[in-house]
C-alpha atoms as a PDB file:
ATOM      1  CA  UNK A   1      -0.112   0.093  -0.035  1.00  0.00           C
ATOM      2  CA  UNK A   2       1.019   3.592  -0.749  1.00  0.00           C
ATOM      3  CA  UNK A   3      -0.234   6.533   1.286  1.00  0.00           C
ATOM      4  CA  UNK A   4      -0.174  10.055  -0.337  1.00  0.00           C
ATOM      5  CA  UNK A   5      -0.393  13.266   1.594  1.00  0.00           C
ATOM      6  CA  UNK A   6      -0.738  16.595  -0.352  1.00  0.00           C
ATOM      7  CA  UNK A   7      -0.094  20.068   0.945  1.00  0.00           C
ATOM      8  CA  UNK A   8       0.239  23.645  -0.546  1.00  0.00           C
ATOM      9  CA  UNK A   9      -3.300  24.348  -1.628  1.00  0.00           C
ATOM     10  CA  UNK A  10      -5.049  27.672  -0.825  1.00  0.00           C
ATOM     11  CA  UNK A  11      -6.516  30.867  -2.188  1.00  0.00           C
ATOM     12  CA  UNK A  12      -4.730  33.035  -4.637  1.00  0.00           C
ATOM     13  CA  UNK A  13      -5.501  35.859  -6.814  1.00  0.00           C
ATOM     14  CA  UNK A  14      -5.570  35.443 -10.767  1.00  0.00           C
ATOM     15  CA  UNK A  15      -1.995  35.704 -12.164  1.00  0.00           C
ATOM     16  CA  UNK A  16      -0.571  34.401  -8.848  1.00  0.00           C
ATOM     17  CA  UNK A  17       1.460  31.076  -8.100  1.00  0.00           C
ATOM     18  CA  UNK A  18       1.178  28.087  -5.719  1.00  0.00           C
ATOM     19  CA  UNK A  19       3.205  24.959  -5.283  1.00  0.00           C
ATOM     20  CA  UNK A  20       1.542  21.685  -4.337  1.00  0.00           C
ATOM     21  CA  UNK A  21       3.565  19.038  -2.793  1.00  0.00           C
ATOM     22  CA  UNK A  22       2.663  15.231  -2.305  1.00  0.00           C
ATOM     23  CA  UNK A  23       4.791  12.967  -0.160  1.00  0.00           C
ATOM     24  CA  UNK A  24       4.304   9.251  -0.605  1.00  0.00           C
ATOM     25  CA  UNK A  25       4.949   6.610   2.149  1.00  0.00           C
ATOM     26  CA  UNK A  26       4.542   2.930   2.501  1.00  0.00           C
ATOM     27  CA  UNK A  27       5.390   0.635  -0.511  1.00  0.00           C
ATOM     28  CA  UNK A  28       6.947   3.454  -2.428  1.00  0.00           C
ATOM     29  CA  UNK A  29       9.267   0.838  -4.209  1.00  0.00           C
ATOM     30  CA  UNK A  30       6.321  -0.145  -6.184  1.00  0.00           C
ATOM     31  CA  UNK A  31       5.502   3.514  -7.641  1.00  0.00           C
ATOM     32  CA  UNK A  32       5.976   3.696 -11.292  1.00  0.00           C
ATOM     33  CA  UNK A  33       4.708   7.247 -11.865  1.00  0.00           C
ATOM     34  CA  UNK A  34       3.293  10.211  -9.734  1.00  0.00           C
ATOM     35  CA  UNK A  35       1.234  13.182 -10.779  1.00  0.00           C
ATOM     36  CA  UNK A  36      -1.823  15.450 -10.224  1.00  0.00           C
ATOM     37  CA  UNK A  37      -5.322  15.461 -11.224  1.00  0.00           C
ATOM     38  CA  UNK A  38      -8.019  18.041 -10.517  1.00  0.00           C
ATOM     39  CA  UNK A  39     -11.790  18.079 -10.190  1.00  0.00           C
ATOM     40  CA  UNK A  40     -13.765  21.114 -10.462  1.00  0.00           C
ATOM     41  CA  UNK A  41     -17.400  21.447  -9.103  1.00  0.00           C
ATOM     42  CA  UNK A  42     -19.764  19.629 -11.527  1.00  0.00           C
ATOM     43  CA  UNK A  43     -16.920  18.367 -13.764  1.00  0.00           C
ATOM     44  CA  UNK A  44     -15.113  15.062 -14.175  1.00  0.00           C
ATOM     45  CA  UNK A  45     -11.718  14.572 -12.705  1.00  0.00           C
ATOM     46  CA  UNK A  46      -8.970  15.285 -15.277  1.00  0.00           C
ATOM     47  CA  UNK A  47      -5.331  14.803 -15.588  1.00  0.00           C
ATOM     48  CA  UNK A  48      -3.094  17.723 -15.027  1.00  0.00           C
ATOM     49  CA  UNK A  49       0.398  16.393 -15.157  1.00  0.00           C
ATOM     50  CA  UNK A  50       2.128  13.108 -14.436  1.00  0.00           C
ATOM     51  CA  UNK A  51       5.737  12.024 -14.423  1.00  0.00           C
ATOM     52  CA  UNK A  52       7.242   8.546 -14.658  1.00  0.00           C
ATOM     53  CA  UNK A  53      10.156   7.248 -12.697  1.00  0.00           C
ATOM     54  CA  UNK A  54      12.249   7.748 -15.691  1.00  0.00           C
ATOM     55  CA  UNK A  55      11.322  11.426 -15.998  1.00  0.00           C
ATOM     56  CA  UNK A  56       8.830  11.356 -18.932  1.00  0.00           C
ATOM     57  CA  UNK A  57       5.976  13.750 -18.543  1.00  0.00           C
ATOM     58  CA  UNK A  58       2.394  14.216 -19.691  1.00  0.00           C
ATOM     59  CA  UNK A  59       0.853  17.639 -19.214  1.00  0.00           C
ATOM     60  CA  UNK A  60      -2.601  18.751 -19.965  1.00  0.00           C
ATOM     61  CA  UNK A  61      -2.858  21.333 -22.716  1.00  0.00           C
ATOM     62  CA  UNK A  62      -4.808  23.614 -20.638  1.00  0.00           C
ATOM     63  CA  UNK A  63      -1.876  24.040 -18.171  1.00  0.00           C
ATOM     64  CA  UNK A  64       1.155  23.672 -20.495  1.00  0.00           C
ATOM     65  CA  UNK A  65       3.551  26.664 -20.215  1.00  0.00           C
ATOM     66  CA  UNK A  66       2.000  27.549 -16.680  1.00  0.00           C
ATOM     67  CA  UNK A  67       2.271  24.511 -14.598  1.00  0.00           C
ATOM     68  CA  UNK A  68       5.598  22.375 -13.990  1.00  0.00           C
ATOM     69  CA  UNK A  69       5.631  18.960 -12.352  1.00  0.00           C
ATOM     70  CA  UNK A  70       8.750  17.714 -10.853  1.00  0.00           C
ATOM     71  CA  UNK A  71       9.812  14.807  -8.507  1.00  0.00           C
ATOM     72  CA  UNK A  72      12.270  14.221  -5.840  1.00  0.00           C
ATOM     73  CA  UNK A  73      12.598  10.391  -5.957  1.00  0.00           C
ATOM     74  CA  UNK A  74      14.962  10.465  -2.948  1.00  0.00           C
ATOM     75  CA  UNK A  75      12.102  11.989  -0.817  1.00  0.00           C
ATOM     76  CA  UNK A  76       9.117  10.159  -2.668  1.00  0.00           C
ATOM     77  CA  UNK A  77       7.667  13.514  -3.363  1.00  0.00           C
ATOM     78  CA  UNK A  78       6.054  14.970  -6.351  1.00  0.00           C
ATOM     79  CA  UNK A  79       5.500  18.808  -6.833  1.00  0.00           C
ATOM     80  CA  UNK A  80       3.358  20.855  -8.994  1.00  0.00           C
ATOM     81  CA  UNK A  81       4.558  24.475  -9.552  1.00  0.00           C
ATOM     82  CA  UNK A  82       1.471  26.498 -10.722  1.00  0.00           C
ATOM     83  CA  UNK A  83       2.120  29.892 -12.143  1.00  0.00           C
ATOM     84  CA  UNK A  84      -0.126  32.432 -13.961  1.00  0.00           C
ATOM     85  CA  UNK A  85      -3.098  30.863 -12.283  1.00  0.00           C
ATOM     86  CA  UNK A  86      -6.555  31.623 -13.701  1.00  0.00           C
ATOM     87  CA  UNK A  87     -10.025  31.349 -12.135  1.00  0.00           C
ATOM     88  CA  UNK A  88     -10.749  28.191 -14.260  1.00  0.00           C
ATOM     89  CA  UNK A  89      -7.878  26.378 -12.455  1.00  0.00           C
ATOM     90  CA  UNK A  90     -10.033  26.456  -9.478  1.00  0.00           C
ATOM     91  CA  UNK A  91     -10.432  22.817  -8.320  1.00  0.00           C
ATOM     92  CA  UNK A  92      -9.736  20.110  -5.672  1.00  0.00           C
ATOM     93  CA  UNK A  93      -6.249  18.788  -6.789  1.00  0.00           C
ATOM     94  CA  UNK A  94      -5.398  15.236  -6.145  1.00  0.00           C
ATOM     95  CA  UNK A  95      -2.123  13.549  -5.947  1.00  0.00           C
ATOM     96  CA  UNK A  96      -1.926  10.230  -7.856  1.00  0.00           C
ATOM     97  CA  UNK A  97       0.563   7.362  -7.928  1.00  0.00           C
ATOM     98  CA  UNK A  98       0.523   4.173 -10.068  1.00  0.00           C
ATOM     99  CA  UNK A  99       1.978   1.181  -8.289  1.00  0.00           C
ATOM    100  CA  UNK A 100       3.144  -1.944 -10.123  1.00  0.00           C
ATOM    101  CA  UNK A 101       3.698  -4.864  -7.923  1.00  0.00           C
ATOM    102  CA  UNK A 102       3.733  -8.687  -8.667  1.00  0.00           C
ATOM    103  CA  UNK A 103       1.958  -8.037 -11.998  1.00  0.00           C
ATOM    104  CA  UNK A 104      -0.670  -5.898 -10.576  1.00  0.00           C
ATOM    105  CA  UNK A 105      -1.222  -2.173 -11.329  1.00  0.00           C
ATOM    106  CA  UNK A 106      -2.748  -0.183  -8.548  1.00  0.00           C
ATOM    107  CA  UNK A 107      -4.013   3.438  -8.450  1.00  0.00           C
ATOM    108  CA  UNK A 108      -3.332   5.431  -5.184  1.00  0.00           C
ATOM    109  CA  UNK A 109      -4.943   8.753  -4.464  1.00  0.00           C
ATOM    110  CA  UNK A 110      -4.377  11.494  -1.904  1.00  0.00           C
ATOM    111  CA  UNK A 111      -7.093  13.142  -0.037  1.00  0.00           C
ATOM    112  CA  UNK A 112      -7.149  16.216  -2.240  1.00  0.00           C
ATOM    113  CA  UNK A 113      -6.257  19.883  -1.630  1.00  0.00           C
ATOM    114  CA  UNK A 114      -8.415  22.895  -2.627  1.00  0.00           C
ATOM    115  CA  UNK A 115      -6.973  25.506  -4.828  1.00  0.00           C
ATOM    116  CA  UNK A 116      -9.115  28.548  -5.264  1.00  0.00           C
ATOM    117  CA  UNK A 117      -8.186  31.268  -7.812  1.00  0.00           C
ATOM    118  CA  UNK A 118     -10.021  34.514  -7.472  1.00  0.00           C
ATOM    119  CA  UNK A 119     -10.642  36.984 -10.361  1.00  0.00           C
END
């Protein structure tokens, strides 16, 4: 099992910045990738950005050029630097990890952290 704990959400004005952090614990050896999803009220959860252990990334078009994902593998932590925030970025942001062990793939989720961008 992997546990994920997020931090860094909050309220910010449009154009501002926030940095989210997510620390993994437990069976971290099984993690293949870590990243972030978000869910706005009334909308489906969507991928924001994800990074594999090898450093490959996949970032949503809506945040490219504004958000940057990074990882500190020694600390089992993933970060999301969010710049030039827009009101439409308002959502609950969830940390996500993909675990692979004994042939089984498991999705792990954090509890979510609220990001609110005021206009």
